[in-house]
Each structure stands twice: as C-alpha cells, then as structure tokens.
Amino acid sequence: MPSYTRTTKIDVDQDTAYAYLSKAENLPEYFPRITEVTRKNGSEVNTTAVIEPPGEPEQKVHGTAWFKTDDDARKVEWGSEGSNHYHGELDFDPDGDDASTLRLTLSTESDHPGIEESIDETLATISAKLTEGS
C-alpha cells in the first residue's frame, strides 16, 4: 500500500499544536476538501467532503470515518473503511521550546492524482492556522 509522508517545522510548541489538531471538528479548517465533521460515538465521525473525480463534475460525498488521538504519544490517527483502506496520522516532535516538527502520513490503496500536493497544502494551512493563533 503506498504511503506518502511529509514533514514541516511549525513555530508553535508541541502541546499547542496537538491541542488544535487533536480535535476532529477542526479538520475542515485545514484539510482540503473536508467541509464538515460531526463526532458520533467514541472515535467514529461523520464527514462531508467535496471531491473532483477526473473527468467528472465536483461532487459532495458523505461518509463515516474514525478519528483517534493518543495524548501520551501526541499522535492523531484517522481513516475510513472501504476498498481503498485510507488512513493517516499526524505526529509531533519538539523542535526547541517554541517549535515543533509535524509529520503527516497518508496511506491508501487508491491512486489519487495530486495527493502529495494536497499533503503539502494541508501542512501549509496547519502552519498558518497555528501561527496566526499564537
């Protein structure tokens, strides 16, 4: 299964970054195409996203996914059931007193054109959101 990993340094401490990114309801603020997340029971969430299949008009899709956090490890994981086995994770490493290195990994069995660019866009948006709030 292909995995895509990118890292970026963010100018906020690990605790601040984790506090923001560990809330599922913040996903639409930084993940391209996700427009709504509603928490259900436990780690289950309902999602709404806008996708652009090649050669087709833009489509709004609804789904159920999971979103898990590990406070001790400062790790966020998410995914959805289905044939593409899509899942991802964010983890953080301290980088001095007031900075962190954020690592985002996505794994999927589907070929998504532009996935690497989407990861880069996500990391840039996270960095901007976190630094504007600090």
Protein backbone atom coordinates (compact mmCIF):
# COMPACT_ATOMS: atom_id res chain seq x y z
CA MET A 1 0.00 0.00 0.00
CA PRO A 2 1.54 3.35 -0.96
CA SER A 3 2.27 5.78 1.85
CA TYR A 4 3.03 9.47 1.48
CA THR A 5 4.88 11.32 4.23
CA ARG A 6 5.75 14.97 4.55
CA THR A 7 7.17 16.98 7.44
CA THR A 8 7.26 20.66 8.26
CA LYS A 9 8.51 22.79 11.09
CA ILE A 10 5.84 24.88 12.81
CA ASP A 11 6.54 27.81 15.09
CA VAL A 12 4.39 26.63 18.00
CA ASP A 13 5.15 24.17 20.75
CA GLN A 14 4.09 20.54 20.60
CA ASP A 15 1.32 20.93 23.19
CA THR A 16 -0.32 23.84 21.34
CA ALA A 17 -0.15 22.02 18.02
CA TYR A 18 -1.58 18.82 19.49
CA ALA A 19 -4.39 20.65 21.31
CA TYR A 20 -5.62 22.09 18.00
CA LEU A 21 -5.03 19.09 15.74
CA SER A 22 -6.48 16.51 18.14
CA LYS A 23 -10.00 17.94 17.74
CA ALA A 24 -11.85 16.26 14.88
CA GLU A 25 -14.10 19.29 14.46
CA ASN A 26 -11.05 21.33 13.36
CA LEU A 27 -10.40 19.12 10.30
CA PRO A 28 -12.38 21.32 7.87
CA GLU A 29 -10.18 24.27 8.85
CA TYR A 30 -7.03 22.67 7.48
CA PHE A 31 -7.81 19.59 5.38
CA PRO A 32 -8.57 20.32 1.72
CA ARG A 33 -11.95 19.06 0.58
CA ILE A 34 -13.34 18.23 4.04
CA THR A 35 -16.22 20.59 4.66
CA GLU A 36 -17.86 19.14 7.78
CA VAL A 37 -17.09 16.70 10.61
CA THR A 38 -19.57 15.60 13.25
CA ARG A 39 -18.45 13.40 16.12
CA LYS A 40 -20.60 10.33 16.78
CA ASN A 41 -19.81 7.67 19.38
CA GLY A 42 -16.27 7.06 20.59
CA SER A 43 -13.84 7.52 17.73
CA GLU A 44 -16.49 7.48 14.99
CA VAL A 45 -17.15 10.65 12.97
CA ASN A 46 -19.42 11.60 10.08
CA THR A 47 -17.68 13.52 7.33
CA THR A 48 -18.68 15.60 4.35
CA ALA A 49 -16.17 16.34 1.63
CA VAL A 50 -16.06 17.76 -1.88
CA ILE A 51 -14.20 15.63 -4.39
CA GLU A 52 -13.27 16.17 -8.03
CA PRO A 53 -13.10 12.81 -9.84
CA PRO A 54 -11.13 13.05 -13.10
CA GLY A 55 -13.45 13.89 -15.97
CA GLU A 56 -16.45 14.37 -13.70
CA PRO A 57 -18.07 17.37 -12.05
CA GLU A 58 -17.31 18.21 -8.42
CA GLN A 59 -19.25 16.00 -6.01
CA LYS A 60 -20.21 16.25 -2.36
CA VAL A 61 -19.73 12.95 -0.53
CA HIS A 62 -20.72 11.84 2.95
CA GLY A 63 -19.07 9.09 4.92
CA THR A 64 -18.26 7.59 8.27
CA ALA A 65 -14.69 7.51 9.47
CA TRP A 66 -12.68 7.08 12.65
CA PHE A 67 -10.57 9.69 14.39
CA LYS A 68 -8.33 8.65 17.28
CA THR A 69 -5.95 10.56 19.49
CA ASP A 70 -3.18 9.42 21.80
CA ASP A 71 -2.49 12.13 24.35
CA ASP A 72 0.63 10.44 25.74
CA ALA A 73 2.25 9.94 22.33
CA ARG A 74 0.87 13.23 20.95
CA LYS A 75 -0.45 11.37 17.91
CA VAL A 76 -3.60 11.76 15.82
CA GLU A 77 -4.85 8.96 13.54
CA TRP A 78 -7.83 8.77 11.21
CA GLY A 79 -9.20 6.60 8.45
CA SER A 80 -12.22 5.17 6.75
CA GLU A 81 -13.42 1.70 5.93
CA GLY A 82 -13.66 0.69 2.32
CA SER A 83 -11.75 -0.73 -0.59
CA ASN A 84 -9.06 1.97 -0.57
CA HIS A 85 -8.03 1.33 3.07
CA TYR A 86 -7.42 5.05 3.55
CA HIS A 87 -5.78 6.12 6.79
CA GLY A 88 -3.44 8.77 8.03
CA GLU A 89 -1.60 10.06 11.04
CA LEU A 90 -0.08 13.22 12.41
CA ASP A 91 2.67 13.15 14.96
CA PHE A 92 4.84 15.79 16.50
CA ASP A 93 8.40 16.15 17.70
CA PRO A 94 9.55 19.07 19.83
CA ASP A 95 11.95 21.35 17.99
CA GLY A 96 13.22 23.66 20.70
CA ASP A 97 11.00 25.38 23.27
CA ASP A 98 8.59 27.12 20.90
CA ALA A 99 8.57 24.98 17.76
CA SER A 100 7.63 21.51 16.59
CA THR A 101 8.20 19.26 13.63
CA LEU A 102 4.90 17.96 12.30
CA ARG A 103 4.84 14.72 10.29
CA LEU A 104 1.78 13.83 8.20
CA THR A 105 1.49 10.36 6.66
CA LEU A 106 -1.32 9.15 4.39
CA SER A 107 -1.75 5.57 3.20
CA THR A 108 -4.24 4.39 0.61
CA GLU A 109 -4.61 1.67 -1.97
CA SER A 110 -6.25 4.12 -4.39
CA ASP A 111 -4.29 6.28 -6.77
CA HIS A 112 -5.23 9.89 -6.08
CA PRO A 113 -3.70 12.39 -8.51
CA GLY A 114 -2.34 15.33 -6.56
CA ILE A 115 -2.15 13.57 -3.19
CA GLU A 116 1.35 14.85 -2.47
CA GLU A 117 0.32 18.41 -3.31
CA SER A 118 -2.71 18.03 -1.02
CA ILE A 119 -0.45 16.95 1.84
CA ASP A 120 1.80 19.96 1.24
CA GLU A 121 -1.26 22.23 1.17
CA THR A 122 -2.54 20.70 4.41
CA LEU A 123 0.77 21.25 6.19
CA ALA A 124 0.98 24.85 4.97
CA THR A 125 -2.57 25.50 6.17
CA ILE A 126 -1.86 23.92 9.57
CA SER A 127 1.25 26.05 9.96
CA ALA A 128 -0.65 29.22 9.06
CA LYS A 129 -3.58 28.41 11.38
CA LEU A 130 -1.33 27.63 14.32
CA THR A 131 1.00 30.59 13.93
CA GLU A 132 -1.86 33.08 13.49
CA GLY A 133 -3.40 31.80 16.73
CA SER A 134 -0.22 32.04 18.80
